[in-house]
Amino acid sequence: MNESQALADEFARRRQSFAGGDIFILAVLPDGRGFRCHTVESGLEAEELSRDEMAAAIIELYGGMAQFRKN
């Protein structure tokens, strides 16, 4: 079994614990680009994201810019 198969198996187990909810992984590379991975019937599917798209995905994950502002 290779690492991607192990990740897919672990992802499937976690998905079951969330009752089939829409969960995903954001994998960020050192240069700011990355991937959004989500489940499909046959396992995992990955979408490549640019630096701007990755920043937008992270901001969306945390509920908008208000979470990043200091009081």
Protein backbone atom coordinates (compact mmCIF):
# COMPACT_ATOMS: atom_id res chain seq x y z
CA MET A 1 0.00 0.00 0.00
CA ASN A 2 1.44 3.39 -0.94
CA GLU A 3 1.01 6.67 0.96
CA SER A 4 -1.84 7.96 -1.23
CA GLN A 5 -3.82 4.76 -0.63
CA ALA A 6 -3.24 5.05 3.11
CA LEU A 7 -4.38 8.70 3.01
CA ALA A 8 -7.49 7.76 1.04
CA ASP A 9 -8.34 4.99 3.54
CA GLU A 10 -7.84 7.30 6.52
CA PHE A 11 -9.87 10.02 4.84
CA ALA A 12 -12.73 7.55 4.23
CA ARG A 13 -12.72 6.52 7.91
CA ARG A 14 -12.87 10.16 9.04
CA ARG A 15 -15.65 10.91 6.57
CA GLN A 16 -17.76 8.14 8.08
CA SER A 17 -17.33 9.70 11.52
CA PHE A 18 -18.86 12.92 10.15
CA ALA A 19 -21.87 11.04 8.70
CA GLY A 20 -20.77 11.60 5.11
CA GLY A 21 -20.41 15.36 5.54
CA ASP A 22 -18.49 17.53 3.14
CA ILE A 23 -14.93 17.46 4.49
CA PHE A 24 -11.77 18.39 2.64
CA ILE A 25 -8.02 18.81 3.05
CA LEU A 26 -6.07 21.96 2.20
CA ALA A 27 -2.47 21.01 1.51
CA VAL A 28 -0.27 24.13 1.40
CA LEU A 29 3.12 24.03 -0.33
CA PRO A 30 6.05 26.18 0.89
CA ASP A 31 5.56 28.68 -1.96
CA GLY A 32 1.91 29.27 -1.02
CA ARG A 33 0.33 27.21 -3.77
CA GLY A 34 -1.42 24.00 -2.86
CA PHE A 35 -4.24 21.53 -3.30
CA ARG A 36 -7.82 21.16 -2.11
CA CYS A 37 -8.54 17.44 -1.74
CA HIS A 38 -12.06 16.11 -1.33
CA THR A 39 -13.78 12.76 -1.47
CA VAL A 40 -15.46 11.27 -4.50
CA GLU A 41 -17.01 7.82 -4.91
CA SER A 42 -13.70 6.29 -6.01
CA GLY A 43 -11.48 7.93 -3.35
CA LEU A 44 -9.89 11.37 -3.35
CA GLU A 45 -9.84 14.10 -5.95
CA ALA A 46 -7.42 17.04 -5.85
CA GLU A 47 -7.75 20.53 -7.29
CA GLU A 48 -4.56 22.57 -7.70
CA LEU A 49 -4.78 26.08 -6.24
CA SER A 50 -2.68 29.17 -6.98
CA ARG A 51 -1.35 31.31 -4.11
CA ASP A 52 -4.35 33.66 -4.39
CA GLU A 53 -6.83 30.77 -4.52
CA MET A 54 -5.15 29.13 -1.52
CA ALA A 55 -5.32 32.37 0.48
CA ALA A 56 -9.02 32.70 -0.38
CA ALA A 57 -9.67 29.07 0.64
CA ILE A 58 -7.94 29.59 4.00
CA ILE A 59 -9.87 32.80 4.66
CA GLU A 60 -13.13 31.04 3.74
CA LEU A 61 -12.26 28.14 6.05
CA TYR A 62 -11.84 30.48 9.02
CA GLY A 63 -15.04 32.42 8.34
CA GLY A 64 -13.75 35.55 6.64
CA MET A 65 -11.27 38.34 7.24
CA ALA A 66 -12.72 39.33 10.63
CA GLN A 67 -10.99 36.30 12.17
CA PHE A 68 -7.59 37.68 11.08
CA ARG A 69 -8.07 41.25 12.35
CA LYS A 70 -6.71 42.27 15.73
CA ASN A 71 -8.88 44.18 18.19
